[in-house]
Amino acid sequence: MATTLKHDWQLAQVKALFSLPFNDLLFQAHTIHRDNFDPNQVQVSSLLNIKTGACPEDCSYCSQSSKYDTGLEREKLMEIDTVLAQAKIAQKQGATRFCMGAAWRNPTDKSLDKVIPMIKKVKALGMETCVTLGMLTPLQAANLKAAGLDYYNHNLDTSKENYPNVITTRTFEDRLDTLEAVQNAGINVCSGGILGLGEDQTDRASMLQSLANLQPQPQSVPLNLLVPIAGTPLANVPPPSESEFVRTIAVARILMPKSVVRLSAGRTEMGEAMQALCFFAGANSIFYGEQLLTTQNPAASTDQALFKTLGINTAMVNA
């Protein structure tokens, strides 16, 4: 049950972890988690959608895609004072990282020039900063690093095998190229995936294999349960079972023992017991706030009550 980092995981090895008896898998994952983190500590981030809708990508799950009629109104980039006010609220509620997302395929340099002052202002509050803006060039990544950005989020979403079934306007390799640019710039990587995209267990194993074999491994790994959006192609895809989701959290913890694993979208559909199992299996981060981009999220007061019940504190977790 070694906790040393590996970057040469084979698919068969990852599939073997998924196939372990549930209790054995959770025991192994929790032991590794406890060796690397305080098991009763969870890092809290907050996510704000700073530019909504009209994205040219065709991600089959996304309400912000211009390809689908989801009833979402297009909104321009937020003013910096509005963003800063939201960051202050999140900080007061206990968030230590503020994430800003814009519905772009890739930002223009002009758009990036508008986001960079937001990063600097939020960082001046004493919060960690994260943005998700789509694909980046190496020069854009370097400019974000110079602005003081701490994390860049760019999810793989699913396995390289299932990817063409979900998105056709960019490739799996495009995602990896952006992650490479971010890593080369010295920015921490936040990258994970979504469960419920029509994938099977082998796809989940393949996605986690791709993440774990990055060098270095992502400092933050958000795992989302798809929130079905009416009007998108994946609106009626059956979700994974609760045990399948918890298994994925556990395998992620084993493969990436030092990464912060974030229990992300879909928590409104998760009961107390399921979330508790996810924390036991190795999740040690969540998003605060009643909305994640365009989908619902539990209220901060609800999460605070959950943490009190489980004896969890929300001091800073080091990635």
Protein backbone atom coordinates (compact mmCIF):
# COMPACT_ATOMS: atom_id res chain seq x y z
CA MET A 1 0.00 0.00 0.00
CA ALA A 2 2.75 2.39 -1.04
CA THR A 3 2.06 6.11 -1.13
CA THR A 4 4.94 7.01 -3.43
CA LEU A 5 3.90 8.74 -6.62
CA LYS A 6 3.72 6.69 -9.81
CA HIS A 7 3.41 8.07 -13.32
CA ASP A 8 3.34 4.77 -15.20
CA TRP A 9 -0.01 3.32 -14.21
CA GLN A 10 -1.29 0.70 -16.63
CA LEU A 11 -4.99 0.49 -17.43
CA ALA A 12 -5.15 -3.10 -16.18
CA GLN A 13 -3.80 -1.98 -12.79
CA VAL A 14 -6.40 0.76 -12.46
CA LYS A 15 -9.22 -1.58 -13.52
CA ALA A 16 -8.03 -4.05 -10.88
CA LEU A 17 -8.48 -1.37 -8.21
CA PHE A 18 -12.02 -0.69 -9.41
CA SER A 19 -12.73 -4.42 -9.16
CA LEU A 20 -11.71 -4.76 -5.49
CA PRO A 21 -14.43 -5.55 -2.95
CA PHE A 22 -15.95 -2.23 -1.86
CA ASN A 23 -14.75 -2.46 1.75
CA ASP A 24 -11.22 -3.44 0.73
CA LEU A 25 -11.02 -0.56 -1.73
CA LEU A 26 -12.22 1.98 0.82
CA PHE A 27 -9.86 0.66 3.49
CA GLN A 28 -6.89 1.00 1.14
CA ALA A 29 -7.93 4.44 -0.04
CA HIS A 30 -8.60 5.73 3.46
CA THR A 31 -5.27 4.43 4.75
CA ILE A 32 -3.43 6.27 1.98
CA HIS A 33 -5.53 9.36 2.58
CA ARG A 34 -4.74 9.31 6.30
CA ASP A 35 -1.01 8.90 5.53
CA ASN A 36 -1.00 12.10 3.48
CA PHE A 37 -3.73 14.34 4.90
CA ASP A 38 -5.67 15.10 8.05
CA PRO A 39 -8.75 12.91 7.43
CA ASN A 40 -11.00 15.38 9.24
CA GLN A 41 -9.96 18.45 7.28
CA VAL A 42 -11.58 19.71 4.06
CA GLN A 43 -10.44 22.61 1.89
CA VAL A 44 -13.22 24.93 0.71
CA SER A 45 -13.27 26.73 -2.62
CA SER A 46 -15.86 29.01 -4.18
CA LEU A 47 -16.65 29.19 -7.91
CA LEU A 48 -18.04 32.21 -9.77
CA ASN A 49 -19.15 32.30 -13.38
CA ILE A 50 -17.64 35.58 -14.59
CA LYS A 51 -18.87 35.22 -18.19
CA THR A 52 -21.98 33.18 -19.02
CA GLY A 53 -23.12 31.40 -22.17
CA ALA A 54 -22.49 31.58 -25.93
CA CYS A 55 -19.60 29.13 -25.81
CA PRO A 56 -18.83 27.76 -29.31
CA GLU A 57 -17.89 24.32 -27.97
CA ASP A 58 -20.38 21.44 -28.26
CA CYS A 59 -19.76 19.73 -24.90
CA SER A 60 -22.83 17.47 -24.71
CA TYR A 61 -23.46 18.16 -21.02
CA CYS A 62 -23.10 21.92 -20.91
CA SER A 63 -25.81 24.53 -20.50
CA GLN A 64 -23.47 27.24 -21.79
CA SER A 65 -22.91 25.75 -25.24
CA SER A 66 -24.30 27.86 -28.09
CA LYS A 67 -25.17 24.60 -29.88
CA TYR A 68 -28.10 23.78 -27.55
CA ASP A 69 -31.26 25.52 -26.43
CA THR A 70 -31.08 25.34 -22.65
CA GLY A 71 -32.81 28.63 -21.87
CA LEU A 72 -29.62 30.18 -20.53
CA GLU A 73 -29.22 33.88 -21.19
CA ARG A 74 -25.90 35.10 -22.51
CA GLU A 75 -24.09 37.52 -20.20
CA LYS A 76 -20.99 39.60 -20.78
CA LEU A 77 -17.86 39.48 -18.64
CA MET A 78 -18.53 40.70 -15.09
CA GLU A 79 -17.14 43.97 -13.85
CA ILE A 80 -14.18 43.63 -11.52
CA ASP A 81 -16.00 45.27 -8.57
CA THR A 82 -18.77 42.66 -8.78
CA VAL A 83 -16.24 39.84 -8.85
CA LEU A 84 -14.37 41.26 -5.87
CA ALA A 85 -17.57 41.62 -3.86
CA GLN A 86 -18.40 37.95 -4.48
CA ALA A 87 -14.89 36.93 -3.47
CA LYS A 88 -15.23 38.78 -0.17
CA ILE A 89 -18.53 37.01 0.55
CA ALA A 90 -16.94 33.63 -0.21
CA GLN A 91 -13.99 34.41 2.04
CA LYS A 92 -16.31 35.42 4.89
CA GLN A 93 -18.09 32.06 4.54
CA GLY A 94 -14.80 30.19 4.90
CA ALA A 95 -13.57 29.69 1.32
CA THR A 96 -9.79 29.80 0.97
CA ARG A 97 -9.69 29.60 -2.84
CA PHE A 98 -11.72 31.66 -5.29
CA CYS A 99 -12.26 30.19 -8.74
CA MET A 100 -13.46 32.21 -11.73
CA GLY A 101 -14.89 30.58 -14.85
CA ALA A 102 -15.61 32.06 -18.27
CA ALA A 103 -17.47 30.30 -21.08
CA TRP A 104 -14.79 30.62 -23.74
CA ARG A 105 -13.27 28.06 -26.09
CA ASN A 106 -10.03 29.93 -25.53
CA PRO A 107 -9.54 33.49 -24.28
CA THR A 108 -8.26 36.20 -26.59
CA ASP A 109 -5.32 38.19 -25.29
CA LYS A 110 -7.71 41.15 -24.91
CA SER A 111 -10.08 39.05 -22.77
CA LEU A 112 -7.18 37.80 -20.68
CA ASP A 113 -6.12 41.38 -20.02
CA LYS A 114 -9.51 41.90 -18.36
CA VAL A 115 -9.26 38.77 -16.20
CA ILE A 116 -5.73 39.40 -14.94
CA PRO A 117 -6.74 42.41 -12.76
CA MET A 118 -9.45 40.19 -11.20
CA ILE A 119 -6.79 37.64 -10.28
CA LYS A 120 -4.59 40.29 -8.71
CA LYS A 121 -7.44 41.84 -6.70
CA VAL A 122 -8.68 38.49 -5.36
CA LYS A 123 -5.15 37.43 -4.48
CA ALA A 124 -4.70 40.70 -2.57
CA LEU A 125 -7.53 39.55 -0.28
CA GLY A 126 -5.29 36.68 0.86
CA MET A 127 -7.20 34.02 -1.10
CA GLU A 128 -5.77 31.45 -3.49
CA THR A 129 -6.83 32.13 -7.07
CA CYS A 130 -8.02 29.78 -9.80
CA VAL A 131 -9.47 30.39 -13.26
CA THR A 132 -10.99 28.18 -15.94
CA LEU A 133 -11.02 29.94 -19.29
CA GLY A 134 -10.65 27.18 -21.88
CA MET A 135 -7.58 26.36 -23.94
CA LEU A 136 -4.41 28.39 -23.39
CA THR A 137 -1.26 29.10 -25.36
CA PRO A 138 2.09 28.79 -23.56
CA LEU A 139 2.44 32.60 -23.61
CA GLN A 140 -1.00 33.09 -22.07
CA ALA A 141 -0.14 30.59 -19.34
CA ALA A 142 3.10 32.48 -18.65
CA ASN A 143 1.14 35.76 -18.39
CA LEU A 144 -1.27 34.21 -15.89
CA LYS A 145 1.66 32.98 -13.84
CA ALA A 146 3.17 36.47 -13.85
CA ALA A 147 -0.17 37.80 -12.58
CA GLY A 148 0.13 35.51 -9.57
CA LEU A 149 -2.42 32.85 -10.54
CA ASP A 150 -2.25 29.85 -8.21
CA TYR A 151 -4.38 27.24 -10.05
CA TYR A 152 -5.71 26.67 -13.55
CA ASN A 153 -8.69 24.38 -14.01
CA HIS A 154 -8.98 22.38 -17.21
CA ASN A 155 -10.81 19.07 -16.79
CA LEU A 156 -10.23 16.03 -18.96
CA ASP A 157 -13.97 15.35 -18.49
CA THR A 158 -13.86 11.67 -19.48
CA SER A 159 -11.60 9.00 -20.96
CA LYS A 160 -9.77 9.55 -24.23
CA GLU A 161 -11.85 6.68 -25.63
CA ASN A 162 -15.21 8.22 -24.66
CA TYR A 163 -14.19 11.79 -25.38
CA PRO A 164 -15.34 11.92 -29.05
CA ASN A 165 -18.81 10.83 -27.89
CA VAL A 166 -19.03 13.87 -25.64
CA ILE A 167 -17.16 16.68 -27.44
CA THR A 168 -16.25 17.10 -31.12
CA THR A 169 -15.09 20.73 -31.23
CA ARG A 170 -11.78 19.96 -29.55
CA THR A 171 -9.77 16.81 -28.95
CA PHE A 172 -8.56 15.02 -25.86
CA GLU A 173 -5.03 15.95 -26.96
CA ASP A 174 -6.03 19.63 -27.00
CA ARG A 175 -6.87 19.28 -23.31
CA LEU A 176 -3.50 17.70 -22.59
CA ASP A 177 -1.71 20.47 -24.51
CA THR A 178 -3.30 23.14 -22.30
CA LEU A 179 -2.38 21.21 -19.16
CA GLU A 180 1.21 20.99 -20.41
CA ALA A 181 1.30 24.75 -21.03
CA VAL A 182 -0.02 25.38 -17.52
CA GLN A 183 2.48 23.01 -15.93
CA ASN A 184 5.39 24.47 -17.90
CA ALA A 185 4.40 27.94 -16.69
CA GLY A 186 4.62 26.74 -13.08
CA ILE A 187 0.91 27.06 -12.29
CA ASN A 188 -0.78 24.40 -10.17
CA VAL A 189 -3.08 22.17 -12.22
CA CYS A 190 -6.70 21.56 -11.28
CA SER A 191 -7.99 18.77 -13.52
CA GLY A 192 -10.54 16.01 -13.08
CA GLY A 193 -13.65 14.72 -14.74
CA ILE A 194 -17.39 14.19 -14.80
CA LEU A 195 -19.22 10.97 -14.05
CA GLY A 196 -22.45 10.39 -15.92
CA LEU A 197 -21.29 11.11 -19.49
CA GLY A 198 -22.35 7.71 -20.79
CA GLU A 199 -19.05 6.18 -19.72
CA ASP A 200 -18.48 2.73 -18.25
CA GLN A 201 -16.08 1.64 -15.50
CA THR A 202 -13.25 1.14 -18.00
CA ASP A 203 -13.67 4.76 -19.11
CA ARG A 204 -13.44 5.94 -15.52
CA ALA A 205 -10.29 3.88 -15.08
CA SER A 206 -8.81 5.32 -18.27
CA MET A 207 -9.59 8.91 -17.25
CA LEU A 208 -7.95 8.47 -13.85
CA GLN A 209 -4.98 6.75 -15.50
CA SER A 210 -4.48 9.81 -17.75
CA LEU A 211 -4.61 12.15 -14.75
CA ALA A 212 -2.33 10.05 -12.56
CA ASN A 213 0.29 9.70 -15.30
CA LEU A 214 0.69 13.45 -15.70
CA GLN A 215 4.05 14.68 -14.44
CA PRO A 216 3.54 16.17 -11.96
CA GLN A 217 0.15 14.83 -10.99
CA PRO A 218 -2.59 17.49 -10.71
CA GLN A 219 -2.45 19.31 -7.40
CA SER A 220 -6.25 19.40 -7.39
CA VAL A 221 -8.61 16.76 -8.84
CA PRO A 222 -12.30 17.76 -9.02
CA LEU A 223 -14.70 14.85 -9.57
CA ASN A 224 -18.19 15.85 -10.63
CA LEU A 225 -21.49 14.01 -10.79
CA LEU A 226 -23.25 15.21 -13.94
CA VAL A 227 -26.11 17.59 -13.30
CA PRO A 228 -28.40 16.84 -16.29
CA ILE A 229 -29.38 19.95 -18.25
CA ALA A 230 -32.58 19.94 -20.29
CA GLY A 231 -31.82 20.64 -23.93
CA THR A 232 -28.40 18.99 -23.93
CA PRO A 233 -27.72 15.60 -25.56
CA LEU A 234 -26.85 14.01 -22.20
CA ALA A 235 -29.94 15.25 -20.38
CA ASN A 236 -31.41 11.76 -19.99
CA VAL A 237 -28.31 9.61 -19.51
CA PRO A 238 -28.65 7.38 -16.41
CA PRO A 239 -26.31 8.50 -13.62
CA PRO A 240 -23.74 6.21 -12.01
CA SER A 241 -24.80 4.51 -8.81
CA GLU A 242 -23.68 5.90 -5.47
CA SER A 243 -21.21 3.05 -4.99
CA GLU A 244 -19.75 3.64 -8.47
CA PHE A 245 -19.14 7.28 -7.65
CA VAL A 246 -17.54 6.49 -4.28
CA ARG A 247 -15.36 3.85 -5.97
CA THR A 248 -14.07 6.49 -8.36
CA ILE A 249 -13.16 8.80 -5.47
CA ALA A 250 -11.32 5.94 -3.76
CA VAL A 251 -9.35 4.93 -6.86
CA ALA A 252 -8.42 8.56 -7.49
CA ARG A 253 -7.04 8.78 -3.96
CA ILE A 254 -4.95 5.63 -4.41
CA LEU A 255 -3.54 6.74 -7.77
CA MET A 256 -2.90 10.33 -6.68
CA PRO A 257 -2.10 10.09 -2.96
CA LYS A 258 -0.89 13.67 -2.55
CA SER A 259 -3.48 15.44 -4.70
CA VAL A 260 -6.44 17.27 -3.19
CA VAL A 261 -9.55 15.44 -4.44
CA ARG A 262 -12.55 17.73 -4.72
CA LEU A 263 -16.13 16.56 -4.38
CA SER A 264 -17.58 18.96 -6.92
CA ALA A 265 -20.81 19.31 -8.93
CA GLY A 266 -23.81 17.13 -8.18
CA ARG A 267 -23.70 17.31 -4.39
CA THR A 268 -27.32 18.46 -4.24
CA GLU A 269 -28.18 14.89 -5.29
CA MET A 270 -25.94 13.34 -2.65
CA GLY A 271 -27.20 12.59 0.82
CA GLU A 272 -25.23 12.94 4.03
CA ALA A 273 -24.15 9.29 4.02
CA MET A 274 -22.88 9.37 0.43
CA GLN A 275 -20.85 12.52 1.03
CA ALA A 276 -19.46 11.03 4.24
CA LEU A 277 -18.33 7.95 2.29
CA CYS A 278 -16.66 10.19 -0.29
CA PHE A 279 -14.74 12.01 2.45
CA PHE A 280 -13.73 8.67 3.97
CA ALA A 281 -12.60 7.42 0.55
CA GLY A 282 -10.28 10.39 0.08
CA ALA A 283 -12.19 13.51 -0.97
CA ASN A 284 -10.90 16.51 0.96
CA SER A 285 -12.22 19.56 -0.84
CA ILE A 286 -15.61 20.98 -1.84
CA PHE A 287 -17.11 24.06 -3.47
CA TYR A 288 -19.06 26.43 -1.23
CA GLY A 289 -21.87 28.48 -2.71
CA GLU A 290 -25.41 27.93 -3.93
CA GLN A 291 -24.39 27.84 -7.59
CA LEU A 292 -21.51 26.27 -9.55
CA LEU A 293 -21.33 28.11 -12.88
CA THR A 294 -24.98 27.43 -13.88
CA THR A 295 -25.95 24.46 -11.68
CA GLN A 296 -27.22 24.29 -8.12
CA ASN A 297 -25.00 23.57 -5.12
CA PRO A 298 -25.82 23.17 -1.41
CA ALA A 299 -25.99 26.37 0.63
CA ALA A 300 -22.93 27.17 2.73
CA SER A 301 -25.04 26.77 5.88
CA THR A 302 -26.01 23.25 4.77
CA ASP A 303 -22.35 22.33 4.31
CA GLN A 304 -21.43 23.86 7.65
CA ALA A 305 -24.07 21.69 9.31
CA LEU A 306 -22.73 18.62 7.50
CA PHE A 307 -19.18 19.35 8.61
CA LYS A 308 -20.36 19.78 12.20
CA THR A 309 -22.15 16.43 12.06
CA LEU A 310 -19.08 14.67 10.64
CA GLY A 311 -16.54 16.45 12.85
CA ILE A 312 -14.79 18.01 9.86
CA ASN A 313 -12.93 21.31 10.00
CA THR A 314 -12.21 23.58 7.08
CA ALA A 315 -8.70 24.83 7.74
CA MET A 316 -6.35 25.15 4.78
CA VAL A 317 -5.39 21.88 3.09
CA ASN A 318 -2.00 22.04 1.37
CA ALA A 319 -1.98 20.65 -2.16
